[in-house]
C-alpha atoms as a PDB file:
ATOM      1  CA  MET A   1      95.567 175.031 174.260  1.00  0.00           C
ATOM      2  CA  GLN A   2      95.046 171.497 173.118  1.00  0.00           C
ATOM      3  CA  PRO A   3      91.904 170.200 175.189  1.00  0.00           C
ATOM      4  CA  ALA A   4      92.961 167.014 177.216  1.00  0.00           C
ATOM      5  CA  ASN A   5      91.489 163.809 176.216  1.00  0.00           C
ATOM      6  CA  HIS A   6      88.712 162.947 178.845  1.00  0.00           C
ATOM      7  CA  GLU A   7      89.431 159.269 178.160  1.00  0.00           C
ATOM      8  CA  ILE A   8      92.634 157.336 178.547  1.00  0.00           C
ATOM      9  CA  ILE A   9      92.857 154.900 175.465  1.00  0.00           C
ATOM     10  CA  ARG A  10      94.586 151.732 176.067  1.00  0.00           C
ATOM     11  CA  ILE A  11      96.711 150.902 173.273  1.00  0.00           C
ATOM     12  CA  ASN A  12      97.358 147.768 171.859  1.00  0.00           C
ATOM     13  CA  PRO A  13     101.366 148.397 171.346  1.00  0.00           C
ATOM     14  CA  GLU A  14     101.799 146.173 168.185  1.00  0.00           C
ATOM     15  CA  LEU A  15      98.830 147.873 166.267  1.00  0.00           C
ATOM     16  CA  ASN A  16      98.886 151.330 168.018  1.00  0.00           C
ATOM     17  CA  MET A  17      95.568 151.514 168.689  1.00  0.00           C
ATOM     18  CA  ARG A  18      93.098 149.419 170.870  1.00  0.00           C
ATOM     19  CA  TYR A  19      91.641 146.377 169.651  1.00  0.00           C
ATOM     20  CA  SER A  20      89.855 144.063 172.379  1.00  0.00           C
ATOM     21  CA  VAL A  21      86.799 141.974 172.845  1.00  0.00           C
ATOM     22  CA  LEU A  22      85.546 142.297 176.208  1.00  0.00           C
ATOM     23  CA  THR A  23      82.809 140.605 178.265  1.00  0.00           C
ATOM     24  CA  VAL A  24      80.982 142.774 180.750  1.00  0.00           C
ATOM     25  CA  THR A  25      77.937 142.675 183.216  1.00  0.00           C
ATOM     26  CA  ASN A  26      76.623 145.678 185.012  1.00  0.00           C
ATOM     27  CA  VAL A  27      79.081 148.130 183.771  1.00  0.00           C
ATOM     28  CA  TYR A  28      78.468 151.656 183.051  1.00  0.00           C
ATOM     29  CA  THR A  29      80.843 154.378 181.429  1.00  0.00           C
ATOM     30  CA  ALA A  30      80.179 158.186 182.416  1.00  0.00           C
ATOM     31  CA  MET A  31      79.875 160.591 179.685  1.00  0.00           C
ATOM     32  CA  HIS A  32      83.314 161.318 177.975  1.00  0.00           C
ATOM     33  CA  TRP A  33      85.167 161.663 174.733  1.00  0.00           C
ATOM     34  CA  HIS A  34      88.317 161.174 173.370  1.00  0.00           C
ATOM     35  CA  ASP A  35      90.538 161.904 170.245  1.00  0.00           C
ATOM     36  CA  SER A  36      90.012 158.613 168.636  1.00  0.00           C
ATOM     37  CA  ILE A  37      87.163 157.048 166.388  1.00  0.00           C
ATOM     38  CA  GLU A  38      85.486 154.182 168.497  1.00  0.00           C
ATOM     39  CA  ILE A  39      83.758 151.094 166.741  1.00  0.00           C
ATOM     40  CA  LEU A  40      81.545 149.007 169.135  1.00  0.00           C
ATOM     41  CA  TYR A  41      80.384 145.648 167.577  1.00  0.00           C
ATOM     42  CA  VAL A  42      77.936 143.512 169.956  1.00  0.00           C
ATOM     43  CA  THR A  43      78.316 139.641 169.564  1.00  0.00           C
ATOM     44  CA  GLU A  44      76.429 138.648 172.811  1.00  0.00           C
ATOM     45  CA  GLY A  45      73.770 140.610 175.053  1.00  0.00           C
ATOM     46  CA  GLU A  46      73.015 144.239 174.905  1.00  0.00           C
ATOM     47  CA  LEU A  47      74.631 147.311 175.171  1.00  0.00           C
ATOM     48  CA  SER A  48      72.942 151.041 175.448  1.00  0.00           C
ATOM     49  CA  VAL A  49      75.037 153.850 174.376  1.00  0.00           C
ATOM     50  CA  THR A  50      74.391 157.383 174.114  1.00  0.00           C
ATOM     51  CA  VAL A  51      75.686 159.578 171.610  1.00  0.00           C
ATOM     52  CA  ASN A  52      75.205 163.369 171.487  1.00  0.00           C
ATOM     53  CA  ASN A  53      72.015 163.075 173.576  1.00  0.00           C
ATOM     54  CA  LYS A  54      70.593 160.223 171.309  1.00  0.00           C
ATOM     55  CA  ASN A  55      70.243 156.696 172.942  1.00  0.00           C
ATOM     56  CA  TYR A  56      71.004 153.220 171.266  1.00  0.00           C
ATOM     57  CA  ARG A  57      70.369 149.918 172.423  1.00  0.00           C
ATOM     58  CA  LEU A  58      72.700 147.571 170.722  1.00  0.00           C
ATOM     59  CA  HIS A  59      72.150 144.060 170.328  1.00  0.00           C
ATOM     60  CA  ARG A  60      73.769 140.805 168.684  1.00  0.00           C
ATOM     61  CA  ASP A  61      75.508 142.031 165.403  1.00  0.00           C
ATOM     62  CA  ASP A  62      74.448 145.832 165.746  1.00  0.00           C
ATOM     63  CA  PHE A  63      77.442 148.231 165.738  1.00  0.00           C
ATOM     64  CA  ILE A  64      78.159 152.097 166.091  1.00  0.00           C
ATOM     65  CA  VAL A  65      80.770 154.318 164.835  1.00  0.00           C
ATOM     66  CA  ILE A  66      81.370 157.306 167.465  1.00  0.00           C
ATOM     67  CA  ASP A  67      83.545 160.078 165.915  1.00  0.00           C
ATOM     68  CA  ARG A  68      86.519 161.792 167.557  1.00  0.00           C
ATOM     69  CA  LYS A  69      85.651 164.522 170.187  1.00  0.00           C
ATOM     70  CA  THR A  70      81.861 163.081 170.216  1.00  0.00           C
ATOM     71  CA  ILE A  71      80.494 162.931 173.892  1.00  0.00           C
ATOM     72  CA  HIS A  72      79.261 159.538 174.491  1.00  0.00           C
ATOM     73  CA  SER A  73      78.618 156.994 177.406  1.00  0.00           C
ATOM     74  CA  THR A  74      77.901 153.313 177.288  1.00  0.00           C
ATOM     75  CA  SER A  75      76.123 151.001 180.004  1.00  0.00           C
ATOM     76  CA  ASN A  76      74.767 147.263 180.557  1.00  0.00           C
ATOM     77  CA  LYS A  77      72.731 145.495 182.792  1.00  0.00           C
ATOM     78  CA  ARG A  78      73.326 141.861 181.987  1.00  0.00           C
ATOM     79  CA  LYS A  79      76.143 139.884 180.404  1.00  0.00           C
ATOM     80  CA  THR A  80      77.503 141.361 177.227  1.00  0.00           C
ATOM     81  CA  ARG A  81      80.262 140.728 174.698  1.00  0.00           C
ATOM     82  CA  TYR A  82      81.434 143.337 172.401  1.00  0.00           C
ATOM     83  CA  LEU A  83      84.430 144.253 169.846  1.00  0.00           C
ATOM     84  CA  LEU A  84      85.997 147.472 170.805  1.00  0.00           C
ATOM     85  CA  ILE A  85      88.187 149.343 168.435  1.00  0.00           C
ATOM     86  CA  GLN A  86      89.549 152.745 169.060  1.00  0.00           C
ATOM     87  CA  ILE A  87      91.758 154.423 166.199  1.00  0.00           C
ATOM     88  CA  PRO A  88      93.599 157.150 167.505  1.00  0.00           C
ATOM     89  CA  TYR A  89      94.049 160.606 165.706  1.00  0.00           C
ATOM     90  CA  SER A  90      97.699 160.176 164.714  1.00  0.00           C
ATOM     91  CA  PHE A  91      96.755 157.068 163.019  1.00  0.00           C
ATOM     92  CA  LEU A  92      94.194 158.512 160.884  1.00  0.00           C
ATOM     93  CA  LYS A  93      95.934 161.389 160.087  1.00  0.00           C
ATOM     94  CA  GLN A  94      98.453 159.231 158.065  1.00  0.00           C
ATOM     95  CA  PHE A  95      95.987 158.136 155.549  1.00  0.00           C
ATOM     96  CA  ILE A  96      93.316 161.104 155.458  1.00  0.00           C
ATOM     97  CA  PRO A  97      95.534 164.021 155.619  1.00  0.00           C
ATOM     98  CA  ASN A  98      92.415 166.410 156.085  1.00  0.00           C
ATOM     99  CA  VAL A  99      90.717 164.350 158.825  1.00  0.00           C
ATOM    100  CA  ASP A 100      90.390 167.681 160.896  1.00  0.00           C
ATOM    101  CA  PHE A 101      87.914 168.576 158.260  1.00  0.00           C
ATOM    102  CA  ILE A 102      85.739 165.556 158.234  1.00  0.00           C
ATOM    103  CA  ARG A 103      83.199 164.400 160.350  1.00  0.00           C
ATOM    104  CA  PHE A 104      81.565 160.666 160.437  1.00  0.00           C
ATOM    105  CA  SER A 105      78.305 161.261 162.404  1.00  0.00           C
ATOM    106  CA  GLY A 106      75.331 159.254 162.914  1.00  0.00           C
ATOM    107  CA  ILE A 107      76.764 155.951 161.706  1.00  0.00           C
ATOM    108  CA  CYS A 108      74.702 152.999 163.587  1.00  0.00           C
ATOM    109  CA  SER A 109      73.417 149.835 162.208  1.00  0.00           C
ATOM    110  CA  LEU A 110      70.082 150.696 163.889  1.00  0.00           C
ATOM    111  CA  LEU A 111      69.578 153.851 161.615  1.00  0.00           C
ATOM    112  CA  GLU A 112      70.329 152.396 158.414  1.00  0.00           C
ATOM    113  CA  LYS A 113      67.188 152.109 156.211  1.00  0.00           C
ATOM    114  CA  ASP A 114      69.150 152.377 152.695  1.00  0.00           C
ATOM    115  CA  ASN A 115      72.272 150.876 151.634  1.00  0.00           C
ATOM    116  CA  ARG A 116      71.576 147.768 152.888  1.00  0.00           C
ATOM    117  CA  ASP A 117      74.480 146.129 150.964  1.00  0.00           C
ATOM    118  CA  ILE A 118      76.943 148.659 152.642  1.00  0.00           C
ATOM    119  CA  LEU A 119      75.435 148.070 156.162  1.00  0.00           C
ATOM    120  CA  ASN A 120      76.159 144.071 155.873  1.00  0.00           C
ATOM    121  CA  SER A 121      79.532 144.754 154.299  1.00  0.00           C
ATOM    122  CA  MET A 122      80.456 146.934 157.306  1.00  0.00           C
ATOM    123  CA  ARG A 123      78.945 144.225 159.563  1.00  0.00           C
ATOM    124  CA  ASN A 124      80.579 141.088 158.089  1.00  0.00           C
ATOM    125  CA  THR A 125      83.917 143.215 158.302  1.00  0.00           C
ATOM    126  CA  LEU A 126      83.330 143.586 162.185  1.00  0.00           C
ATOM    127  CA  SER A 127      82.368 140.061 162.517  1.00  0.00           C
ATOM    128  CA  GLN A 128      85.787 138.737 161.013  1.00  0.00           C
ATOM    129  CA  LEU A 129      87.816 141.337 163.232  1.00  0.00           C
ATOM    130  CA  SER A 130      85.901 139.801 166.257  1.00  0.00           C
ATOM    131  CA  TYR A 131      86.687 136.385 165.189  1.00  0.00           C
ATOM    132  CA  LEU A 132      90.315 137.455 164.701  1.00  0.00           C
ATOM    133  CA  TYR A 133      90.956 138.454 167.964  1.00  0.00           C
ATOM    134  CA  GLU A 134      90.009 135.342 169.288  1.00  0.00           C
ATOM    135  CA  HIS A 135      92.269 133.510 166.772  1.00  0.00           C
ATOM    136  CA  GLN A 136      95.797 135.718 167.053  1.00  0.00           C
ATOM    137  CA  TYR A 137      97.438 133.647 164.859  1.00  0.00           C
ATOM    138  CA  ASP A 138     101.248 134.433 163.952  1.00  0.00           C
ATOM    139  CA  GLY A 139     101.242 137.513 161.557  1.00  0.00           C
ATOM    140  CA  TYR A 140      97.430 138.174 162.384  1.00  0.00           C
ATOM    141  CA  HIS A 141      98.381 141.848 162.231  1.00  0.00           C
ATOM    142  CA  MET A 142      98.317 141.984 158.357  1.00  0.00           C
ATOM    143  CA  ARG A 143      94.917 140.676 158.320  1.00  0.00           C
ATOM    144  CA  TYR A 144      93.705 142.884 161.137  1.00  0.00           C
ATOM    145  CA  PHE A 145      94.940 145.894 158.945  1.00  0.00           C
ATOM    146  CA  SER A 146      93.514 144.648 155.881  1.00  0.00           C
ATOM    147  CA  LEU A 147      90.171 144.299 157.592  1.00  0.00           C
ATOM    148  CA  LEU A 148      90.289 147.656 159.373  1.00  0.00           C
ATOM    149  CA  PHE A 149      91.254 149.440 156.145  1.00  0.00           C
ATOM    150  CA  SER A 150      88.142 147.829 154.493  1.00  0.00           C
ATOM    151  CA  PHE A 151      85.939 149.092 156.867  1.00  0.00           C
ATOM    152  CA  LEU A 152      87.828 152.670 157.073  1.00  0.00           C
ATOM    153  CA  ASP A 153      87.417 152.896 153.225  1.00  0.00           C
ATOM    154  CA  CYS A 154      83.673 152.085 153.441  1.00  0.00           C
ATOM    155  CA  LEU A 155      83.323 154.605 156.440  1.00  0.00           C
ATOM    156  CA  PHE A 156      85.314 157.466 154.200  1.00  0.00           C
ATOM    157  CA  THR A 157      83.451 156.574 151.102  1.00  0.00           C
ATOM    158  CA  HIS A 158      79.974 156.747 152.238  1.00  0.00           C
ATOM    159  CA  TYR A 159      79.673 158.575 155.818  1.00  0.00           C
ATOM    160  CA  ARG A 160      82.262 161.470 155.749  1.00  0.00           C
ATOM    161  CA  GLU A 161      81.042 164.697 156.073  1.00  0.00           C
ATOM    162  CA  GLU A 162      82.863 167.909 155.401  1.00  0.00           C
ATOM    163  CA  LEU A 163      83.384 170.643 158.156  1.00  0.00           C
ATOM    164  CA  SER A 164      83.757 174.260 157.696  1.00  0.00           C
ATOM    165  CA  SER A 165      86.816 176.145 159.815  1.00  0.00           C
ATOM    166  CA  SER A 166      84.012 177.584 161.993  1.00  0.00           C
ATOM    167  CA  GLU A 167      82.363 174.337 162.829  1.00  0.00           C
ATOM    168  CA  ILE A 168      85.930 173.210 163.691  1.00  0.00           C
ATOM    169  CA  LYS A 169      86.715 176.224 166.047  1.00  0.00           C
ATOM    170  CA  LYS A 170      83.199 175.760 167.765  1.00  0.00           C
ATOM    171  CA  THR A 171      83.856 172.367 168.554  1.00  0.00           C
ATOM    172  CA  GLU A 172      87.328 173.055 169.817  1.00  0.00           C
ATOM    173  CA  LYS A 173      86.095 175.858 172.218  1.00  0.00           C
ATOM    174  CA  TYR A 174      83.194 173.789 173.753  1.00  0.00           C
ATOM    175  CA  ILE A 175      85.593 170.672 174.228  1.00  0.00           C
ATOM    176  CA  GLU A 176      88.363 172.828 175.673  1.00  0.00           C
ATOM    177  CA  ARG A 177      85.905 174.239 178.228  1.00  0.00           C
ATOM    178  CA  LEU A 178      84.349 170.707 178.906  1.00  0.00           C
ATOM    179  CA  SER A 179      87.589 169.681 179.720  1.00  0.00           C
ATOM    180  CA  LEU A 180      88.410 172.090 182.352  1.00  0.00           C
ATOM    181  CA  ILE A 181      85.293 170.941 184.145  1.00  0.00           C
ATOM    182  CA  THR A 182      85.549 167.415 184.007  1.00  0.00           C
ATOM    183  CA  GLU A 183      89.047 167.233 185.045  1.00  0.00           C
ATOM    184  CA  TYR A 184      88.073 169.462 187.893  1.00  0.00           C
ATOM    185  CA  VAL A 185      85.370 167.026 188.895  1.00  0.00           C
ATOM    186  CA  GLU A 186      87.581 164.301 188.673  1.00  0.00           C
ATOM    187  CA  ASN A 187      90.070 165.635 190.912  1.00  0.00           C
ATOM    188  CA  HIS A 188      87.369 166.840 193.463  1.00  0.00           C
ATOM    189  CA  TYR A 189      84.562 164.444 193.131  1.00  0.00           C
ATOM    190  CA  GLN A 190      84.987 163.129 196.697  1.00  0.00           C
ATOM    191  CA  GLU A 191      84.541 166.548 198.060  1.00  0.00           C
ATOM    192  CA  PRO A 192      81.414 168.802 198.003  1.00  0.00           C
ATOM    193  CA  ILE A 193      81.122 170.277 194.575  1.00  0.00           C
ATOM    194  CA  THR A 194      78.640 172.965 193.598  1.00  0.00           C
ATOM    195  CA  LEU A 195      77.328 174.328 190.472  1.00  0.00           C
ATOM    196  CA  ARG A 196      78.611 177.770 191.283  1.00  0.00           C
ATOM    197  CA  GLU A 197      82.095 176.550 191.798  1.00  0.00           C
ATOM    198  CA  ALA A 198      82.145 174.905 188.306  1.00  0.00           C
ATOM    199  CA  ALA A 199      80.805 178.007 186.689  1.00  0.00           C
ATOM    200  CA  GLN A 200      83.416 179.704 188.254  1.00  0.00           C
ATOM    201  CA  ILE A 201      86.289 177.917 186.534  1.00  0.00           C
ATOM    202  CA  LEU A 202      84.848 179.255 183.287  1.00  0.00           C
ATOM    203  CA  SER A 203      84.395 182.854 184.607  1.00  0.00           C
ATOM    204  CA  ILE A 204      80.452 182.449 183.549  1.00  0.00           C
ATOM    205  CA  ASN A 205      77.534 182.902 185.576  1.00  0.00           C
ATOM    206  CA  PRO A 206      75.690 179.411 186.917  1.00  0.00           C
ATOM    207  CA  GLU A 207      72.686 179.880 184.883  1.00  0.00           C
ATOM    208  CA  TYR A 208      74.580 180.138 181.682  1.00  0.00           C
ATOM    209  CA  PHE A 209      76.824 177.020 182.759  1.00  0.00           C
ATOM    210  CA  SER A 210      74.108 175.101 183.439  1.00  0.00           C
ATOM    211  CA  ARG A 211      72.493 175.706 180.068  1.00  0.00           C
ATOM    212  CA  PHE A 212      75.936 175.290 178.317  1.00  0.00           C
ATOM    213  CA  PHE A 213      76.605 172.071 180.182  1.00  0.00           C
ATOM    214  CA  LYS A 214      73.082 170.191 179.723  1.00  0.00           C
ATOM    215  CA  LYS A 215      73.419 171.135 175.898  1.00  0.00           C
ATOM    216  CA  TYR A 216      76.652 169.342 175.316  1.00  0.00           C
ATOM    217  CA  MET A 217      76.720 166.583 177.893  1.00  0.00           C
ATOM    218  CA  GLY A 218      73.275 165.721 177.641  1.00  0.00           C
ATOM    219  CA  ILE A 219      72.777 165.803 181.479  1.00  0.00           C
ATOM    220  CA  THR A 220      72.996 168.134 184.492  1.00  0.00           C
ATOM    221  CA  PHE A 221      76.306 169.099 185.882  1.00  0.00           C
ATOM    222  CA  LEU A 222      75.031 167.305 189.304  1.00  0.00           C
ATOM    223  CA  GLU A 223      73.988 164.174 187.279  1.00  0.00           C
ATOM    224  CA  TYR A 224      77.450 164.344 185.743  1.00  0.00           C
ATOM    225  CA  VAL A 225      79.015 164.480 189.494  1.00  0.00           C
ATOM    226  CA  TYR A 226      77.066 161.714 190.686  1.00  0.00           C
ATOM    227  CA  SER A 227      77.830 159.802 187.765  1.00  0.00           C
ATOM    228  CA  ILE A 228      81.358 159.889 188.481  1.00  0.00           C
ATOM    229  CA  ARG A 229      80.980 159.206 192.156  1.00  0.00           C
ATOM    230  CA  LEU A 230      78.982 156.347 191.290  1.00  0.00           C
ATOM    231  CA  GLN A 231      81.457 154.687 188.789  1.00  0.00           C
ATOM    232  CA  SER A 232      84.197 155.079 191.462  1.00  0.00           C
ATOM    233  CA  ALA A 233      82.172 153.593 194.106  1.00  0.00           C
ATOM    234  CA  TYR A 234      81.410 150.598 191.726  1.00  0.00           C
ATOM    235  CA  GLN A 235      85.153 149.859 191.094  1.00  0.00           C
ATOM    236  CA  GLU A 236      85.933 150.064 194.984  1.00  0.00           C
ATOM    237  CA  ILE A 237      82.935 147.630 195.591  1.00  0.00           C
ATOM    238  CA  ILE A 238      84.074 144.870 193.506  1.00  0.00           C
ATOM    239  CA  ASN A 239      87.920 145.647 193.718  1.00  0.00           C
ATOM    240  CA  THR A 240      88.202 146.184 197.657  1.00  0.00           C
ATOM    241  CA  ASP A 241      86.970 144.445 201.063  1.00  0.00           C
ATOM    242  CA  LEU A 242      86.309 148.039 202.126  1.00  0.00           C
ATOM    243  CA  PRO A 243      83.136 148.297 204.198  1.00  0.00           C
ATOM    244  CA  ILE A 244      80.136 149.825 201.819  1.00  0.00           C
ATOM    245  CA  GLN A 245      79.369 152.829 203.954  1.00  0.00           C
ATOM    246  CA  GLU A 246      82.989 153.820 203.930  1.00  0.00           C
ATOM    247  CA  ILE A 247      83.184 153.649 200.073  1.00  0.00           C
ATOM    248  CA  GLN A 248      79.861 155.712 200.397  1.00  0.00           C
ATOM    249  CA  GLU A 249      81.690 158.387 202.214  1.00  0.00           C
ATOM    250  CA  ARG A 250      84.736 157.959 200.558  1.00  0.00           C
ATOM    251  CA  ASN A 251      83.141 158.624 197.188  1.00  0.00           C
ATOM    252  CA  GLY A 252      80.983 161.862 198.316  1.00  0.00           C
ATOM    253  CA  PHE A 253      77.646 160.344 199.406  1.00  0.00           C
ATOM    254  CA  THR A 254      76.466 161.785 202.564  1.00  0.00           C
ATOM    255  CA  SER A 255      73.065 159.837 202.509  1.00  0.00           C
ATOM    256  CA  PRO A 256      72.988 156.092 202.589  1.00  0.00           C
ATOM    257  CA  LYS A 257      69.553 156.023 201.174  1.00  0.00           C
ATOM    258  CA  ILE A 258      70.297 158.348 198.302  1.00  0.00           C
ATOM    259  CA  PHE A 259      73.602 156.265 197.762  1.00  0.00           C
ATOM    260  CA  SER A 260      71.716 153.004 197.791  1.00  0.00           C
ATOM    261  CA  ARG A 261      68.984 154.268 195.580  1.00  0.00           C
ATOM    262  CA  MET A 262      71.179 156.075 192.955  1.00  0.00           C
ATOM    263  CA  PHE A 263      73.577 152.836 192.826  1.00  0.00           C
ATOM    264  CA  ARG A 264      70.620 150.614 192.368  1.00  0.00           C
ATOM    265  CA  GLU A 265      69.040 153.024 189.330  1.00  0.00           C
ATOM    266  CA  GLN A 266      72.624 152.727 187.742  1.00  0.00           C
ATOM    267  CA  TYR A 267      73.365 149.254 188.054  1.00  0.00           C
ATOM    268  CA  GLY A 268      70.406 147.585 188.428  1.00  0.00           C
ATOM    269  CA  LYS A 269      71.438 145.912 192.123  1.00  0.00           C
ATOM    270  CA  THR A 270      72.383 147.468 195.516  1.00  0.00           C
ATOM    271  CA  PRO A 271      75.839 147.711 196.268  1.00  0.00           C
ATOM    272  CA  ARG A 272      75.697 144.568 198.268  1.00  0.00           C
ATOM    273  CA  GLU A 273      74.371 142.577 195.377  1.00  0.00           C
ATOM    274  CA  ILE A 274      77.166 143.741 193.139  1.00  0.00           C
ATOM    275  CA  ARG A 275      79.931 142.813 195.448  1.00  0.00           C
ATOM    276  CA  LYS A 276      78.099 139.279 196.196  1.00  0.00           C
ATOM    277  CA  SER A 277      77.997 138.694 192.347  1.00  0.00           C
ATOM    278  CA  ALA A 278      81.639 140.032 192.043  1.00  0.00           C
ATOM    279  CA  SER A 279      82.857 137.837 194.829  1.00  0.00           C
ATOM    280  CA  ALA A 280      80.944 134.674 193.055  1.00  0.00           C
ATOM    281  CA  SER A 281      82.441 135.423 189.674  1.00  0.00           C
ATOM    282  CA  SER A 282      86.207 135.400 190.835  1.00  0.00           C
ATOM    283  CA  SER A 283      85.494 132.080 192.929  1.00  0.00           C
ATOM    284  CA  ARG A 284      84.155 130.321 189.659  1.00  0.00           C
ATOM    285  CA  LEU A 285      86.961 131.787 188.012  1.00  0.00           C
ATOM    286  CA  LEU A 286      89.572 130.480 190.396  1.00  0.00           C
ATOM    287  CA  THR A 287      88.048 126.946 190.275  1.00  0.00           C
ATOM    288  CA  GLY A 288      88.035 126.916 186.785  1.00  0.00           C
ATOM    289  CA  GLU A 289      84.426 126.883 186.270  1.00  0.00           C
ATOM    290  CA  LEU A 290      83.730 129.800 183.664  1.00  0.00           C
END
């Protein structure tokens, strides 16, 4: 059984991969993974990234590379602009036939103490890719792939690690198990969900399930459930006119006090403050002030 991708990748059809420059404020993406290599390069603001239970705070000119099937999340509290590239497995397989036996791990500009020339070369390439996105002249695709292959060559030459068959099987096994759980949560987060119910999906006892989930996701099962609920509530707050209390109840929160506290902890503002900010941004956009 092929594990389901936890995140659906938005593909740029002309490139067969995701290539975007995003400007975001107060955004949180819950723990997830996908079958693509993800590259994040910050050009403005600050982006917090958690990868395999390690936290990174990226600022201007910082970047991070997140490998396939690697559990991660992103968040920010203030206006942040960053380049996002997601390179699908099918694309990589064409040029790296043994990609299944290769891992690219721990690649972040914040961690580099040696190989400064390599780091600066990679950063310069990402800077050019960010600029290119803003100036997509006719035939820009050739320049895009030239820069991308330069980056991938550096990645492959200096940062690849060989994997054994047993390591691959272990990764496939826990990703397959987690896929069943995250799919269940995404289909039922509006309802009461217990740890015991989740453990039954994998036919294991609750105690073992609790340890398993925390080990690989970096958070408890209930924390994950709440993160999905908050993520959904946030989207409804900024994109609908539904009353806050109705949104709270629709997303599985029974206590207004707990909902407000958790929401503020995650997004830095109350639900009403977020809605007010979103409304003000939409008004400025409509009047051409942005």
